[in-house]
Amino acid sequence: MPARYSDFQIRNVRAKRADSFAIYFDGNSSEPIRNISVENFSVLEARNATYLYKTLNCSFKNCFVNSSPLPLMPKEDIERKGCDVW
């Protein structure tokens, strides 16, 4: 089965604050999120930088959270986490 979210780019995003995660990619075993490129992305203040679950080939170039650079290929999370910010 193809991924529900795949093959796109996110560029030139700047935000002051994220309540929970600056980047939240939540895929699943049958439909991993794949081939997403994030470039020139900055969040000044976030409780957590990234959450990547069931993803493949997601890259981050020139991305910063809490003034710290993100790795080009951040580690995959091994547990599912909620993002309840409503």
PDB file of N, CA and C in Angstrom:
ATOM      1  N   MET A   1       0.847  -1.178   0.000  1.00  0.00           N
ATOM      2  CA  MET A   1       0.000   0.000   0.000  1.00  0.00           C
ATOM      3  C   MET A   1       0.894   1.243   0.000  1.00  0.00           C
ATOM      4  N   PRO A   2       0.612   2.240  -0.840  1.00  0.00           N
ATOM      5  CA  PRO A   2       1.423   3.453  -0.858  1.00  0.00           C
ATOM      6  C   PRO A   2       1.215   4.286   0.403  1.00  0.00           C
ATOM      7  N   ALA A   3       2.182   5.130   0.670  1.00  0.00           N
ATOM      8  CA  ALA A   3       2.085   6.018   1.831  1.00  0.00           C
ATOM      9  C   ALA A   3       0.983   7.045   1.635  1.00  0.00           C
ATOM     10  N   ARG A   4       0.327   7.375   2.709  1.00  0.00           N
ATOM     11  CA  ARG A   4      -0.698   8.423   2.659  1.00  0.00           C
ATOM     12  C   ARG A   4      -0.050   9.793   2.458  1.00  0.00           C
ATOM     13  N   TYR A   5       1.112  10.005   3.065  1.00  0.00           N
ATOM     14  CA  TYR A   5       1.860  11.244   2.911  1.00  0.00           C
ATOM     15  C   TYR A   5       3.243  10.897   2.377  1.00  0.00           C
ATOM     16  N   SER A   6       3.577  11.382   1.178  1.00  0.00           N
ATOM     17  CA  SER A   6       4.887  11.077   0.616  1.00  0.00           C
ATOM     18  C   SER A   6       5.259  12.084  -0.464  1.00  0.00           C
ATOM     19  N   ASP A   7       6.541  12.152  -0.699  1.00  0.00           N
ATOM     20  CA  ASP A   7       7.113  12.865  -1.839  1.00  0.00           C
ATOM     21  C   ASP A   7       6.702  14.339  -1.921  1.00  0.00           C
ATOM     22  N   PHE A   8       6.957  15.080  -0.840  1.00  0.00           N
ATOM     23  CA  PHE A   8       6.741  16.523  -0.912  1.00  0.00           C
ATOM     24  C   PHE A   8       7.777  17.255  -0.072  1.00  0.00           C
ATOM     25  N   GLN A   9       7.799  18.582  -0.217  1.00  0.00           N
ATOM     26  CA  GLN A   9       8.757  19.429   0.467  1.00  0.00           C
ATOM     27  C   GLN A   9       8.038  20.471   1.323  1.00  0.00           C
ATOM     28  N   ILE A  10       8.666  20.784   2.448  1.00  0.00           N
ATOM     29  CA  ILE A  10       8.221  21.877   3.309  1.00  0.00           C
ATOM     30  C   ILE A  10       9.394  22.838   3.376  1.00  0.00           C
ATOM     31  N   ARG A  11       9.180  24.082   2.966  1.00  0.00           N
ATOM     32  CA  ARG A  11      10.291  25.041   2.910  1.00  0.00           C
ATOM     33  C   ARG A  11       9.905  26.389   3.505  1.00  0.00           C
ATOM     34  N   ASN A  12      10.929  27.040   4.038  1.00  0.00           N
ATOM     35  CA  ASN A  12      10.838  28.440   4.463  1.00  0.00           C
ATOM     36  C   ASN A  12       9.706  28.682   5.458  1.00  0.00           C
ATOM     37  N   VAL A  13       9.761  27.948   6.570  1.00  0.00           N
ATOM     38  CA  VAL A  13       8.767  28.079   7.642  1.00  0.00           C
ATOM     39  C   VAL A  13       9.466  28.660   8.868  1.00  0.00           C
ATOM     40  N   ARG A  14       8.859  29.696   9.432  1.00  0.00           N
ATOM     41  CA  ARG A  14       9.368  30.288  10.669  1.00  0.00           C
ATOM     42  C   ARG A  14       8.210  30.440  11.638  1.00  0.00           C
ATOM     43  N   ALA A  15       8.429  30.001  12.870  1.00  0.00           N
ATOM     44  CA  ALA A  15       7.394  30.116  13.897  1.00  0.00           C
ATOM     45  C   ALA A  15       8.048  30.541  15.210  1.00  0.00           C
ATOM     46  N   LYS A  16       7.276  31.225  16.020  1.00  0.00           N
ATOM     47  CA  LYS A  16       7.776  31.611  17.339  1.00  0.00           C
ATOM     48  C   LYS A  16       7.675  30.455  18.326  1.00  0.00           C
ATOM     49  N   ARG A  17       6.534  29.719  18.280  1.00  0.00           N
ATOM     50  CA  ARG A  17       6.301  28.728  19.325  1.00  0.00           C
ATOM     51  C   ARG A  17       5.499  27.541  18.805  1.00  0.00           C
ATOM     52  N   ALA A  18       5.842  26.370  19.332  1.00  0.00           N
ATOM     53  CA  ALA A  18       5.051  25.159  19.119  1.00  0.00           C
ATOM     54  C   ALA A  18       4.743  24.597  20.502  1.00  0.00           C
ATOM     55  N   ASP A  19       3.479  24.339  20.786  1.00  0.00           N
ATOM     56  CA  ASP A  19       3.083  23.901  22.127  1.00  0.00           C
ATOM     57  C   ASP A  19       3.633  22.528  22.501  1.00  0.00           C
ATOM     58  N   SER A  20       3.764  21.637  21.546  1.00  0.00           N
ATOM     59  CA  SER A  20       4.231  20.298  21.861  1.00  0.00           C
ATOM     60  C   SER A  20       5.470  19.935  21.041  1.00  0.00           C
ATOM     61  N   PHE A  21       5.297  19.591  19.772  1.00  0.00           N
ATOM     62  CA  PHE A  21       6.397  19.214  18.887  1.00  0.00           C
ATOM     63  C   PHE A  21       6.533  20.232  17.754  1.00  0.00           C
ATOM     64  N   ALA A  22       7.768  20.598  17.427  1.00  0.00           N
ATOM     65  CA  ALA A  22       7.980  21.471  16.274  1.00  0.00           C
ATOM     66  C   ALA A  22       7.700  20.702  14.978  1.00  0.00           C
ATOM     67  N   ILE A  23       8.098  19.442  14.931  1.00  0.00           N
ATOM     68  CA  ILE A  23       7.845  18.545  13.794  1.00  0.00           C
ATOM     69  C   ILE A  23       7.159  17.301  14.342  1.00  0.00           C
ATOM     70  N   TYR A  24       6.002  16.955  13.778  1.00  0.00           N
ATOM     71  CA  TYR A  24       5.241  15.785  14.234  1.00  0.00           C
ATOM     72  C   TYR A  24       4.824  14.973  13.004  1.00  0.00           C
ATOM     73  N   PHE A  25       5.536  13.874  12.739  1.00  0.00           N
ATOM     74  CA  PHE A  25       5.230  12.967  11.623  1.00  0.00           C
ATOM     75  C   PHE A  25       4.807  11.637  12.231  1.00  0.00           C
ATOM     76  N   ASP A  26       3.550  11.287  12.121  1.00  0.00           N
ATOM     77  CA  ASP A  26       3.010  10.077  12.748  1.00  0.00           C
ATOM     78  C   ASP A  26       2.458   9.142  11.668  1.00  0.00           C
ATOM     79  N   GLY A  27       3.297   8.234  11.201  1.00  0.00           N
ATOM     80  CA  GLY A  27       2.884   7.260  10.198  1.00  0.00           C
ATOM     81  C   GLY A  27       2.412   5.976  10.850  1.00  0.00           C
ATOM     82  N   ASN A  28       2.268   4.931  10.057  1.00  0.00           N
ATOM     83  CA  ASN A  28       1.935   3.613  10.602  1.00  0.00           C
ATOM     84  C   ASN A  28       2.643   2.550   9.771  1.00  0.00           C
ATOM     85  N   SER A  29       2.604   1.319  10.227  1.00  0.00           N
ATOM     86  CA  SER A  29       3.367   0.248   9.578  1.00  0.00           C
ATOM     87  C   SER A  29       2.970   0.038   8.121  1.00  0.00           C
ATOM     88  N   SER A  30       1.677   0.100   7.831  1.00  0.00           N
ATOM     89  CA  SER A  30       1.240  -0.149   6.455  1.00  0.00           C
ATOM     90  C   SER A  30       1.374   1.085   5.564  1.00  0.00           C
ATOM     91  N   GLU A  31       1.432   2.282   6.154  1.00  0.00           N
ATOM     92  CA  GLU A  31       1.552   3.523   5.385  1.00  0.00           C
ATOM     93  C   GLU A  31       2.554   4.472   6.039  1.00  0.00           C
ATOM     94  N   PRO A  32       3.855   4.126   6.007  1.00  0.00           N
ATOM     95  CA  PRO A  32       4.821   5.040   6.613  1.00  0.00           C
ATOM     96  C   PRO A  32       4.869   6.359   5.850  1.00  0.00           C
ATOM     97  N   ILE A  33       5.181   7.414   6.565  1.00  0.00           N
ATOM     98  CA  ILE A  33       5.396   8.718   5.933  1.00  0.00           C
ATOM     99  C   ILE A  33       6.774   8.646   5.291  1.00  0.00           C
ATOM    100  N   ARG A  34       6.859   8.997   3.993  1.00  0.00           N
ATOM    101  CA  ARG A  34       8.140   8.799   3.315  1.00  0.00           C
ATOM    102  C   ARG A  34       8.471   9.935   2.350  1.00  0.00           C
ATOM    103  N   ASN A  35       9.792  10.091   2.173  1.00  0.00           N
ATOM    104  CA  ASN A  35      10.341  11.030   1.195  1.00  0.00           C
ATOM    105  C   ASN A  35       9.850  12.463   1.395  1.00  0.00           C
ATOM    106  N   ILE A  36       9.956  12.939   2.633  1.00  0.00           N
ATOM    107  CA  ILE A  36       9.595  14.321   2.952  1.00  0.00           C
ATOM    108  C   ILE A  36      10.891  15.100   3.183  1.00  0.00           C
ATOM    109  N   SER A  37      11.024  16.223   2.535  1.00  0.00           N
ATOM    110  CA  SER A  37      12.187  17.086   2.680  1.00  0.00           C
ATOM    111  C   SER A  37      11.751  18.386   3.355  1.00  0.00           C
ATOM    112  N   VAL A  38      12.379  18.706   4.481  1.00  0.00           N
ATOM    113  CA  VAL A  38      12.100  19.947   5.197  1.00  0.00           C
ATOM    114  C   VAL A  38      13.362  20.803   5.106  1.00  0.00           C
ATOM    115  N   GLU A  39      13.194  22.040   4.656  1.00  0.00           N
ATOM    116  CA  GLU A  39      14.343  22.913   4.448  1.00  0.00           C
ATOM    117  C   GLU A  39      14.025  24.332   4.913  1.00  0.00           C
ATOM    118  N   ASN A  40      15.004  24.964   5.558  1.00  0.00           N
ATOM    119  CA  ASN A  40      14.860  26.340   6.061  1.00  0.00           C
ATOM    120  C   ASN A  40      13.633  26.456   6.974  1.00  0.00           C
ATOM    121  N   PHE A  41      13.683  25.721   8.049  1.00  0.00           N
ATOM    122  CA  PHE A  41      12.581  25.608   9.009  1.00  0.00           C
ATOM    123  C   PHE A  41      13.106  26.049  10.370  1.00  0.00           C
ATOM    124  N   SER A  42      12.353  26.889  11.077  1.00  0.00           N
ATOM    125  CA  SER A  42      12.801  27.365  12.376  1.00  0.00           C
ATOM    126  C   SER A  42      11.613  27.566  13.318  1.00  0.00           C
ATOM    127  N   VAL A  43      11.736  27.008  14.516  1.00  0.00           N
ATOM    128  CA  VAL A  43      10.785  27.257  15.601  1.00  0.00           C
ATOM    129  C   VAL A  43      11.613  27.731  16.792  1.00  0.00           C
ATOM    130  N   LEU A  44      11.331  28.922  17.267  1.00  0.00           N
ATOM    131  CA  LEU A  44      12.139  29.503  18.341  1.00  0.00           C
ATOM    132  C   LEU A  44      11.953  28.785  19.674  1.00  0.00           C
ATOM    133  N   GLU A  45      10.737  28.334  19.961  1.00  0.00           N
ATOM    134  CA  GLU A  45      10.456  27.705  21.251  1.00  0.00           C
ATOM    135  C   GLU A  45       9.495  26.532  21.067  1.00  0.00           C
ATOM    136  N   ALA A  46       9.930  25.348  21.486  1.00  0.00           N
ATOM    137  CA  ALA A  46       9.085  24.150  21.432  1.00  0.00           C
ATOM    138  C   ALA A  46       9.465  23.223  22.576  1.00  0.00           C
ATOM    139  N   ARG A  47       8.463  22.593  23.156  1.00  0.00           N
ATOM    140  CA  ARG A  47       8.713  21.628  24.222  1.00  0.00           C
ATOM    141  C   ARG A  47       9.570  20.471  23.706  1.00  0.00           C
ATOM    142  N   ASN A  48       9.263  19.998  22.488  1.00  0.00           N
ATOM    143  CA  ASN A  48       9.995  18.894  21.859  1.00  0.00           C
ATOM    144  C   ASN A  48      10.334  19.282  20.421  1.00  0.00           C
ATOM    145  N   ALA A  49      11.498  18.892  19.971  1.00  0.00           N
ATOM    146  CA  ALA A  49      11.914  19.257  18.610  1.00  0.00           C
ATOM    147  C   ALA A  49      11.195  18.418  17.560  1.00  0.00           C
ATOM    148  N   THR A  50      11.344  17.104  17.621  1.00  0.00           N
ATOM    149  CA  THR A  50      10.766  16.247  16.573  1.00  0.00           C
ATOM    150  C   THR A  50      10.098  15.013  17.155  1.00  0.00           C
ATOM    151  N   TYR A  51       9.153  14.513  16.402  1.00  0.00           N
ATOM    152  CA  TYR A  51       8.551  13.203  16.635  1.00  0.00           C
ATOM    153  C   TYR A  51       8.395  12.573  15.260  1.00  0.00           C
ATOM    154  N   LEU A  52       9.148  11.524  15.005  1.00  0.00           N
ATOM    155  CA  LEU A  52       9.105  10.802  13.737  1.00  0.00           C
ATOM    156  C   LEU A  52       8.790   9.345  14.036  1.00  0.00           C
ATOM    157  N   TYR A  53       7.612   8.901  13.655  1.00  0.00           N
ATOM    158  CA  TYR A  53       7.183   7.534  13.936  1.00  0.00           C
ATOM    159  C   TYR A  53       6.709   6.890  12.643  1.00  0.00           C
ATOM    160  N   LYS A  54       7.315   5.770  12.315  1.00  0.00           N
ATOM    161  CA  LYS A  54       6.991   5.043  11.076  1.00  0.00           C
ATOM    162  C   LYS A  54       7.195   5.968   9.871  1.00  0.00           C
ATOM    163  N   THR A  55       8.428   6.439   9.720  1.00  0.00           N
ATOM    164  CA  THR A  55       8.802   7.293   8.594  1.00  0.00           C
ATOM    165  C   THR A  55       9.962   6.655   7.842  1.00  0.00           C
ATOM    166  N   LEU A  56      10.113   7.028   6.581  1.00  0.00           N
ATOM    167  CA  LEU A  56      11.226   6.579   5.755  1.00  0.00           C
ATOM    168  C   LEU A  56      11.744   7.749   4.940  1.00  0.00           C
ATOM    169  N   ASN A  57      13.052   7.965   4.983  1.00  0.00           N
ATOM    170  CA  ASN A  57      13.705   8.958   4.134  1.00  0.00           C
ATOM    171  C   ASN A  57      13.131  10.368   4.314  1.00  0.00           C
ATOM    172  N   CYS A  58      13.025  10.820   5.546  1.00  0.00           N
ATOM    173  CA  CYS A  58      12.609  12.196   5.833  1.00  0.00           C
ATOM    174  C   CYS A  58      13.864  12.978   6.236  1.00  0.00           C
ATOM    175  N   SER A  59      14.131  14.079   5.545  1.00  0.00           N
ATOM    176  CA  SER A  59      15.369  14.814   5.780  1.00  0.00           C
ATOM    177  C   SER A  59      15.083  16.260   6.191  1.00  0.00           C
ATOM    178  N   PHE A  60      16.052  16.839   6.914  1.00  0.00           N
ATOM    179  CA  PHE A  60      15.914  18.177   7.476  1.00  0.00           C
ATOM    180  C   PHE A  60      17.195  18.963   7.203  1.00  0.00           C
ATOM    181  N   LYS A  61      17.118  19.944   6.313  1.00  0.00           N
ATOM    182  CA  LYS A  61      18.274  20.748   5.933  1.00  0.00           C
ATOM    183  C   LYS A  61      18.067  22.183   6.407  1.00  0.00           C
ATOM    184  N   ASN A  62      19.042  22.690   7.137  1.00  0.00           N
ATOM    185  CA  ASN A  62      18.986  24.047   7.660  1.00  0.00           C
ATOM    186  C   ASN A  62      17.725  24.254   8.515  1.00  0.00           C
ATOM    187  N   CYS A  63      17.520  23.334   9.455  1.00  0.00           N
ATOM    188  CA  CYS A  63      16.352  23.371  10.344  1.00  0.00           C
ATOM    189  C   CYS A  63      16.810  23.566  11.785  1.00  0.00           C
ATOM    190  N   PHE A  64      16.088  24.435  12.506  1.00  0.00           N
ATOM    191  CA  PHE A  64      16.448  24.766  13.882  1.00  0.00           C
ATOM    192  C   PHE A  64      15.207  24.756  14.770  1.00  0.00           C
ATOM    193  N   VAL A  65      15.368  24.199  15.973  1.00  0.00           N
ATOM    194  CA  VAL A  65      14.327  24.242  16.997  1.00  0.00           C
ATOM    195  C   VAL A  65      15.014  24.628  18.304  1.00  0.00           C
ATOM    196  N   ASN A  66      14.466  25.605  18.992  1.00  0.00           N
ATOM    197  CA  ASN A  66      15.069  26.120  20.229  1.00  0.00           C
ATOM    198  C   ASN A  66      16.512  26.567  19.979  1.00  0.00           C
ATOM    199  N   SER A  67      16.740  27.149  18.817  1.00  0.00           N
ATOM    200  CA  SER A  67      18.056  27.645  18.382  1.00  0.00           C
ATOM    201  C   SER A  67      19.104  26.553  18.192  1.00  0.00           C
ATOM    202  N   SER A  68      18.703  25.297  18.198  1.00  0.00           N
ATOM    203  CA  SER A  68      19.619  24.178  17.980  1.00  0.00           C
ATOM    204  C   SER A  68      19.337  23.542  16.620  1.00  0.00           C
ATOM    205  N   PRO A  69      20.387  23.210  15.884  1.00  0.00           N
ATOM    206  CA  PRO A  69      20.164  22.589  14.576  1.00  0.00           C
ATOM    207  C   PRO A  69      19.634  21.164  14.708  1.00  0.00           C
ATOM    208  N   LEU A  70      18.753  20.793  13.795  1.00  0.00           N
ATOM    209  CA  LEU A  70      18.282  19.410  13.731  1.00  0.00           C
ATOM    210  C   LEU A  70      19.247  18.612  12.878  1.00  0.00           C
ATOM    211  N   PRO A  71      19.433  17.331  13.202  1.00  0.00           N
ATOM    212  CA  PRO A  71      20.261  16.505  12.320  1.00  0.00           C
ATOM    213  C   PRO A  71      19.594  16.337  10.956  1.00  0.00           C
ATOM    214  N   LEU A  72      20.389  16.092   9.944  1.00  0.00           N
ATOM    215  CA  LEU A  72      19.858  15.914   8.595  1.00  0.00           C
ATOM    216  C   LEU A  72      18.825  14.781   8.558  1.00  0.00           C
ATOM    217  N   MET A  73      19.103  13.698   9.257  1.00  0.00           N
ATOM    218  CA  MET A  73      18.189  12.554   9.320  1.00  0.00           C
ATOM    219  C   MET A  73      17.982  12.187  10.798  1.00  0.00           C
ATOM    220  N   PRO A  74      17.024  12.828  11.491  1.00  0.00           N
ATOM    221  CA  PRO A  74      16.805  12.532  12.915  1.00  0.00           C
ATOM    222  C   PRO A  74      16.406  11.077  13.144  1.00  0.00           C
ATOM    223  N   LYS A  75      16.662  10.605  14.343  1.00  0.00           N
ATOM    224  CA  LYS A  75      16.316   9.233  14.704  1.00  0.00           C
ATOM    225  C   LYS A  75      14.808   9.044  14.753  1.00  0.00           C
ATOM    226  N   GLU A  76      14.406   7.869  14.378  1.00  0.00           N
ATOM    227  CA  GLU A  76      13.004   7.459  14.414  1.00  0.00           C
ATOM    228  C   GLU A  76      12.596   7.179  15.860  1.00  0.00           C
ATOM    229  N   ASP A  77      11.424   7.642  16.267  1.00  0.00           N
ATOM    230  CA  ASP A  77      10.893   7.297  17.586  1.00  0.00           C
ATOM    231  C   ASP A  77      10.418   5.845  17.556  1.00  0.00           C
ATOM    232  N   ILE A  78      10.579   5.132  18.663  1.00  0.00           N
ATOM    233  CA  ILE A  78      10.181   3.721  18.693  1.00  0.00           C
ATOM    234  C   ILE A  78       8.809   3.516  19.336  1.00  0.00           C
ATOM    235  N   GLU A  79       8.284   4.548  19.983  1.00  0.00           N
ATOM    236  CA  GLU A  79       6.956   4.481  20.596  1.00  0.00           C
ATOM    237  C   GLU A  79       6.061   5.555  20.007  1.00  0.00           C
ATOM    238  N   ARG A  80       4.797   5.235  19.871  1.00  0.00           N
ATOM    239  CA  ARG A  80       3.820   6.231  19.415  1.00  0.00           C
ATOM    240  C   ARG A  80       3.579   7.227  20.552  1.00  0.00           C
ATOM    241  N   LYS A  81       3.516   8.511  20.193  1.00  0.00           N
ATOM    242  CA  LYS A  81       3.271   9.579  21.156  1.00  0.00           C
ATOM    243  C   LYS A  81       2.108  10.435  20.661  1.00  0.00           C
ATOM    244  N   GLY A  82       1.296  10.865  21.563  1.00  0.00           N
ATOM    245  CA  GLY A  82       0.181  11.744  21.197  1.00  0.00           C
ATOM    246  C   GLY A  82       0.647  13.186  21.099  1.00  0.00           C
ATOM    247  N   CYS A  83      -0.177  13.966  20.457  1.00  0.00           N
ATOM    248  CA  CYS A  83       0.117  15.396  20.315  1.00  0.00           C
ATOM    249  C   CYS A  83      -1.154  16.167  20.644  1.00  0.00           C
ATOM    250  N   ASP A  84      -1.570  16.100  21.892  1.00  0.00           N
ATOM    251  CA  ASP A  84      -2.826  16.739  22.310  1.00  0.00           C
ATOM    252  C   ASP A  84      -2.544  18.188  22.701  1.00  0.00           C
ATOM    253  N   VAL A  85      -2.840  19.087  21.778  1.00  0.00           N
ATOM    254  CA  VAL A  85      -2.612  20.505  22.042  1.00  0.00           C
ATOM    255  C   VAL A  85      -3.892  21.313  21.881  1.00  0.00           C
ATOM    256  N   TRP A  86      -5.010  20.659  21.749  1.00  0.00           N
ATOM    257  CA  TRP A  86      -6.272  21.366  21.507  1.00  0.00           C
ATOM    258  C   TRP A  86      -6.796  21.950  22.770  1.00  0.00           C
TER     259      TRP A  86
END
